[in-house]
Amino acid sequence: MSDDEREEKELDLSSSEVVTKYKTSAEIINKALKLVVSECKPKAKIVDICEKGDAFIR
């Protein structure tokens, strides 16, 4: 089957699959942000806070 014969799938917000992926991503990022904010304390090192946020997302 050639590329011309393939039906292109819509990858915009009209696709429920795309919306689900955006919602899932938002949930992960909101949890990561909550973790990062909770680590913001006096004398906390920025690099340590960022590493914890990165580790959570991975």
PDB file of N, CA and C in Angstrom:
ATOM      1  N   MET A   1       0.850  -1.170   0.000  1.00  0.00           N
ATOM      2  CA  MET A   1       0.000   0.000   0.000  1.00  0.00           C
ATOM      3  C   MET A   1       0.898   1.237   0.000  1.00  0.00           C
ATOM      4  N   SER A   2       0.644   2.170  -0.888  1.00  0.00           N
ATOM      5  CA  SER A   2       1.448   3.383  -0.972  1.00  0.00           C
ATOM      6  C   SER A   2       0.962   4.408   0.053  1.00  0.00           C
ATOM      7  N   ASP A   3       1.769   5.424   0.253  1.00  0.00           N
ATOM      8  CA  ASP A   3       1.398   6.484   1.200  1.00  0.00           C
ATOM      9  C   ASP A   3       0.121   7.191   0.773  1.00  0.00           C
ATOM     10  N   ASP A   4      -0.073   7.312  -0.538  1.00  0.00           N
ATOM     11  CA  ASP A   4      -1.270   7.986  -1.043  1.00  0.00           C
ATOM     12  C   ASP A   4      -2.534   7.214  -0.721  1.00  0.00           C
ATOM     13  N   GLU A   5      -2.409   5.906  -0.598  1.00  0.00           N
ATOM     14  CA  GLU A   5      -3.579   5.066  -0.355  1.00  0.00           C
ATOM     15  C   GLU A   5      -3.979   5.007   1.118  1.00  0.00           C
ATOM     16  N   ARG A   6      -3.048   5.342   1.974  1.00  0.00           N
ATOM     17  CA  ARG A   6      -3.343   5.296   3.413  1.00  0.00           C
ATOM     18  C   ARG A   6      -4.251   6.452   3.794  1.00  0.00           C
ATOM     19  N   GLU A   7      -5.159   6.147   4.661  1.00  0.00           N
ATOM     20  CA  GLU A   7      -6.042   7.193   5.165  1.00  0.00           C
ATOM     21  C   GLU A   7      -5.331   7.893   6.314  1.00  0.00           C
ATOM     22  N   GLU A   8      -5.237   9.210   6.222  1.00  0.00           N
ATOM     23  CA  GLU A   8      -4.571   9.957   7.282  1.00  0.00           C
ATOM     24  C   GLU A   8      -5.504  10.122   8.470  1.00  0.00           C
ATOM     25  N   LYS A   9      -4.947   9.901   9.642  1.00  0.00           N
ATOM     26  CA  LYS A   9      -5.716  10.028  10.874  1.00  0.00           C
ATOM     27  C   LYS A   9      -5.583  11.456  11.393  1.00  0.00           C
ATOM     28  N   GLU A  10      -6.691  12.025  11.807  1.00  0.00           N
ATOM     29  CA  GLU A  10      -6.671  13.377  12.355  1.00  0.00           C
ATOM     30  C   GLU A  10      -6.003  13.360  13.730  1.00  0.00           C
ATOM     31  N   LEU A  11      -5.030  14.227  13.907  1.00  0.00           N
ATOM     32  CA  LEU A  11      -4.336  14.312  15.188  1.00  0.00           C
ATOM     33  C   LEU A  11      -4.548  15.696  15.801  1.00  0.00           C
ATOM     34  N   ASP A  12      -5.805  16.046  15.969  1.00  0.00           N
ATOM     35  CA  ASP A  12      -6.135  17.306  16.614  1.00  0.00           C
ATOM     36  C   ASP A  12      -7.144  17.036  17.727  1.00  0.00           C
ATOM     37  N   LEU A  13      -7.664  18.072  18.324  1.00  0.00           N
ATOM     38  CA  LEU A  13      -8.543  17.910  19.478  1.00  0.00           C
ATOM     39  C   LEU A  13      -9.890  17.288  19.148  1.00  0.00           C
ATOM     40  N   SER A  14     -10.160  17.054  17.879  1.00  0.00           N
ATOM     41  CA  SER A  14     -11.396  16.348  17.527  1.00  0.00           C
ATOM     42  C   SER A  14     -11.249  14.845  17.750  1.00  0.00           C
ATOM     43  N   SER A  15     -10.015  14.394  17.983  1.00  0.00           N
ATOM     44  CA  SER A  15      -9.743  12.983  18.247  1.00  0.00           C
ATOM     45  C   SER A  15      -9.750  12.733  19.756  1.00  0.00           C
ATOM     46  N   SER A  16     -10.589  11.810  20.204  1.00  0.00           N
ATOM     47  CA  SER A  16     -10.656  11.521  21.647  1.00  0.00           C
ATOM     48  C   SER A  16      -9.334  10.954  22.156  1.00  0.00           C
ATOM     49  N   GLU A  17      -8.605  10.263  21.291  1.00  0.00           N
ATOM     50  CA  GLU A  17      -7.302   9.711  21.675  1.00  0.00           C
ATOM     51  C   GLU A  17      -6.319  10.838  22.005  1.00  0.00           C
ATOM     52  N   VAL A  18      -6.324  11.878  21.209  1.00  0.00           N
ATOM     53  CA  VAL A  18      -5.446  13.025  21.448  1.00  0.00           C
ATOM     54  C   VAL A  18      -5.840  13.727  22.742  1.00  0.00           C
ATOM     55  N   VAL A  19      -7.119  13.928  22.958  1.00  0.00           N
ATOM     56  CA  VAL A  19      -7.604  14.593  24.171  1.00  0.00           C
ATOM     57  C   VAL A  19      -7.210  13.789  25.406  1.00  0.00           C
ATOM     58  N   THR A  20      -7.350  12.474  25.338  1.00  0.00           N
ATOM     59  CA  THR A  20      -6.975  11.608  26.460  1.00  0.00           C
ATOM     60  C   THR A  20      -5.493  11.746  26.777  1.00  0.00           C
ATOM     61  N   LYS A  21      -4.656  11.789  25.752  1.00  0.00           N
ATOM     62  CA  LYS A  21      -3.213  11.938  25.973  1.00  0.00           C
ATOM     63  C   LYS A  21      -2.889  13.283  26.613  1.00  0.00           C
ATOM     64  N   TYR A  22      -3.570  14.352  26.171  1.00  0.00           N
ATOM     65  CA  TYR A  22      -3.360  15.663  26.781  1.00  0.00           C
ATOM     66  C   TYR A  22      -3.789  15.654  28.244  1.00  0.00           C
ATOM     67  N   LYS A  23      -4.918  15.042  28.548  1.00  0.00           N
ATOM     68  CA  LYS A  23      -5.406  14.992  29.934  1.00  0.00           C
ATOM     69  C   LYS A  23      -4.460  14.192  30.817  1.00  0.00           C
ATOM     70  N   THR A  24      -3.966  13.069  30.309  1.00  0.00           N
ATOM     71  CA  THR A  24      -3.026  12.245  31.063  1.00  0.00           C
ATOM     72  C   THR A  24      -1.738  13.018  31.326  1.00  0.00           C
ATOM     73  N   SER A  25      -1.248  13.706  30.310  1.00  0.00           N
ATOM     74  CA  SER A  25      -0.040  14.521  30.470  1.00  0.00           C
ATOM     75  C   SER A  25      -0.251  15.608  31.513  1.00  0.00           C
ATOM     76  N   ALA A  26      -1.407  16.237  31.478  1.00  0.00           N
ATOM     77  CA  ALA A  26      -1.711  17.298  32.445  1.00  0.00           C
ATOM     78  C   ALA A  26      -1.735  16.758  33.869  1.00  0.00           C
ATOM     79  N   GLU A  27      -2.292  15.574  34.062  1.00  0.00           N
ATOM     80  CA  GLU A  27      -2.328  14.970  35.399  1.00  0.00           C
ATOM     81  C   GLU A  27      -0.915  14.710  35.911  1.00  0.00           C
ATOM     82  N   ILE A  28      -0.053  14.188  35.051  1.00  0.00           N
ATOM     83  CA  ILE A  28       1.334  13.902  35.442  1.00  0.00           C
ATOM     84  C   ILE A  28       2.057  15.195  35.800  1.00  0.00           C
ATOM     85  N   ILE A  29       1.918  16.203  34.968  1.00  0.00           N
ATOM     86  CA  ILE A  29       2.600  17.473  35.213  1.00  0.00           C
ATOM     87  C   ILE A  29       2.078  18.153  36.472  1.00  0.00           C
ATOM     88  N   ASN A  30       0.781  18.102  36.714  1.00  0.00           N
ATOM     89  CA  ASN A  30       0.231  18.706  37.934  1.00  0.00           C
ATOM     90  C   ASN A  30       0.760  18.013  39.181  1.00  0.00           C
ATOM     91  N   LYS A  31       0.901  16.686  39.135  1.00  0.00           N
ATOM     92  CA  LYS A  31       1.470  15.958  40.276  1.00  0.00           C
ATOM     93  C   LYS A  31       2.944  16.314  40.455  1.00  0.00           C
ATOM     94  N   ALA A  32       3.669  16.434  39.353  1.00  0.00           N
ATOM     95  CA  ALA A  32       5.085  16.805  39.422  1.00  0.00           C
ATOM     96  C   ALA A  32       5.239  18.211  39.994  1.00  0.00           C
ATOM     97  N   LEU A  33       4.393  19.124  39.557  1.00  0.00           N
ATOM     98  CA  LEU A  33       4.445  20.494  40.066  1.00  0.00           C
ATOM     99  C   LEU A  33       4.144  20.541  41.560  1.00  0.00           C
ATOM    100  N   LYS A  34       3.175  19.756  41.992  1.00  0.00           N
ATOM    101  CA  LYS A  34       2.841  19.692  43.421  1.00  0.00           C
ATOM    102  C   LYS A  34       4.044  19.192  44.222  1.00  0.00           C
ATOM    103  N   LEU A  35       4.733  18.180  43.699  1.00  0.00           N
ATOM    104  CA  LEU A  35       5.930  17.652  44.356  1.00  0.00           C
ATOM    105  C   LEU A  35       7.020  18.716  44.430  1.00  0.00           C
ATOM    106  N   VAL A  36       7.267  19.384  43.318  1.00  0.00           N
ATOM    107  CA  VAL A  36       8.316  20.402  43.267  1.00  0.00           C
ATOM    108  C   VAL A  36       8.011  21.545  44.240  1.00  0.00           C
ATOM    109  N   VAL A  37       6.782  21.996  44.267  1.00  0.00           N
ATOM    110  CA  VAL A  37       6.404  23.082  45.185  1.00  0.00           C
ATOM    111  C   VAL A  37       6.593  22.641  46.632  1.00  0.00           C
ATOM    112  N   SER A  38       6.270  21.386  46.933  1.00  0.00           N
ATOM    113  CA  SER A  38       6.425  20.898  48.314  1.00  0.00           C
ATOM    114  C   SER A  38       7.895  20.827  48.734  1.00  0.00           C
ATOM    115  N   GLU A  39       8.792  20.743  47.768  1.00  0.00           N
ATOM    116  CA  GLU A  39      10.230  20.681  48.062  1.00  0.00           C
ATOM    117  C   GLU A  39      10.862  22.068  48.208  1.00  0.00           C
ATOM    118  N   CYS A  40      10.116  23.108  47.891  1.00  0.00           N
ATOM    119  CA  CYS A  40      10.642  24.477  47.978  1.00  0.00           C
ATOM    120  C   CYS A  40      10.611  24.948  49.429  1.00  0.00           C
ATOM    121  N   LYS A  41      11.741  24.808  50.060  1.00  0.00           N
ATOM    122  CA  LYS A  41      11.891  25.168  51.472  1.00  0.00           C
ATOM    123  C   LYS A  41      13.153  26.004  51.622  1.00  0.00           C
ATOM    124  N   PRO A  42      13.273  26.739  52.719  1.00  0.00           N
ATOM    125  CA  PRO A  42      14.495  27.511  52.926  1.00  0.00           C
ATOM    126  C   PRO A  42      15.738  26.616  52.855  1.00  0.00           C
ATOM    127  N   LYS A  43      16.739  27.107  52.175  1.00  0.00           N
ATOM    128  CA  LYS A  43      18.040  26.451  52.009  1.00  0.00           C
ATOM    129  C   LYS A  43      17.996  25.209  51.120  1.00  0.00           C
ATOM    130  N   ALA A  44      16.865  24.937  50.481  1.00  0.00           N
ATOM    131  CA  ALA A  44      16.807  23.815  49.536  1.00  0.00           C
ATOM    132  C   ALA A  44      17.567  24.217  48.280  1.00  0.00           C
ATOM    133  N   LYS A  45      18.299  23.275  47.718  1.00  0.00           N
ATOM    134  CA  LYS A  45      19.054  23.550  46.499  1.00  0.00           C
ATOM    135  C   LYS A  45      18.136  23.384  45.289  1.00  0.00           C
ATOM    136  N   ILE A  46      18.198  24.366  44.412  1.00  0.00           N
ATOM    137  CA  ILE A  46      17.369  24.343  43.201  1.00  0.00           C
ATOM    138  C   ILE A  46      17.643  23.078  42.393  1.00  0.00           C
ATOM    139  N   VAL A  47      18.900  22.709  42.281  1.00  0.00           N
ATOM    140  CA  VAL A  47      19.256  21.533  41.480  1.00  0.00           C
ATOM    141  C   VAL A  47      18.607  20.267  42.049  1.00  0.00           C
ATOM    142  N   ASP A  48      18.545  20.158  43.361  1.00  0.00           N
ATOM    143  CA  ASP A  48      17.907  18.991  43.987  1.00  0.00           C
ATOM    144  C   ASP A  48      16.402  18.970  43.708  1.00  0.00           C
ATOM    145  N   ILE A  49      15.793  20.142  43.774  1.00  0.00           N
ATOM    146  CA  ILE A  49      14.353  20.243  43.499  1.00  0.00           C
ATOM    147  C   ILE A  49      14.070  19.846  42.049  1.00  0.00           C
ATOM    148  N   CYS A  50      14.880  20.369  41.137  1.00  0.00           N
ATOM    149  CA  CYS A  50      14.693  20.046  39.714  1.00  0.00           C
ATOM    150  C   CYS A  50      14.906  18.563  39.439  1.00  0.00           C
ATOM    151  N   GLU A  51      15.906  17.982  40.069  1.00  0.00           N
ATOM    152  CA  GLU A  51      16.166  16.548  39.874  1.00  0.00           C
ATOM    153  C   GLU A  51      14.995  15.701  40.365  1.00  0.00           C
ATOM    154  N   LYS A  52      14.403  16.085  41.486  1.00  0.00           N
ATOM    155  CA  LYS A  52      13.238  15.343  41.992  1.00  0.00           C
ATOM    156  C   LYS A  52      12.062  15.455  41.031  1.00  0.00           C
ATOM    157  N   GLY A  53      11.849  16.649  40.493  1.00  0.00           N
ATOM    158  CA  GLY A  53      10.782  16.838  39.515  1.00  0.00           C
ATOM    159  C   GLY A  53      11.021  16.023  38.255  1.00  0.00           C
ATOM    160  N   ASP A  54      12.252  16.052  37.762  1.00  0.00           N
ATOM    161  CA  ASP A  54      12.604  15.275  36.568  1.00  0.00           C
ATOM    162  C   ASP A  54      12.436  13.783  36.805  1.00  0.00           C
ATOM    163  N   ALA A  55      12.884  13.317  37.966  1.00  0.00           N
ATOM    164  CA  ALA A  55      12.777  11.888  38.285  1.00  0.00           C
ATOM    165  C   ALA A  55      11.318  11.455  38.354  1.00  0.00           C
ATOM    166  N   PHE A  56      10.465  12.309  38.883  1.00  0.00           N
ATOM    167  CA  PHE A  56       9.045  11.975  38.964  1.00  0.00           C
ATOM    168  C   PHE A  56       8.442  11.822  37.575  1.00  0.00           C
ATOM    169  N   ILE A  57       8.794  12.733  36.679  1.00  0.00           N
ATOM    170  CA  ILE A  57       8.235  12.699  35.329  1.00  0.00           C
ATOM    171  C   ILE A  57       8.736  11.488  34.549  1.00  0.00           C
ATOM    172  N   ARG A  58       9.964  11.127  34.753  1.00  0.00           N
ATOM    173  CA  ARG A  58      10.518   9.967  34.038  1.00  0.00           C
ATOM    174  C   ARG A  58       9.875   8.717  34.543  1.00  0.00           C
TER     175      ARG A  58
END
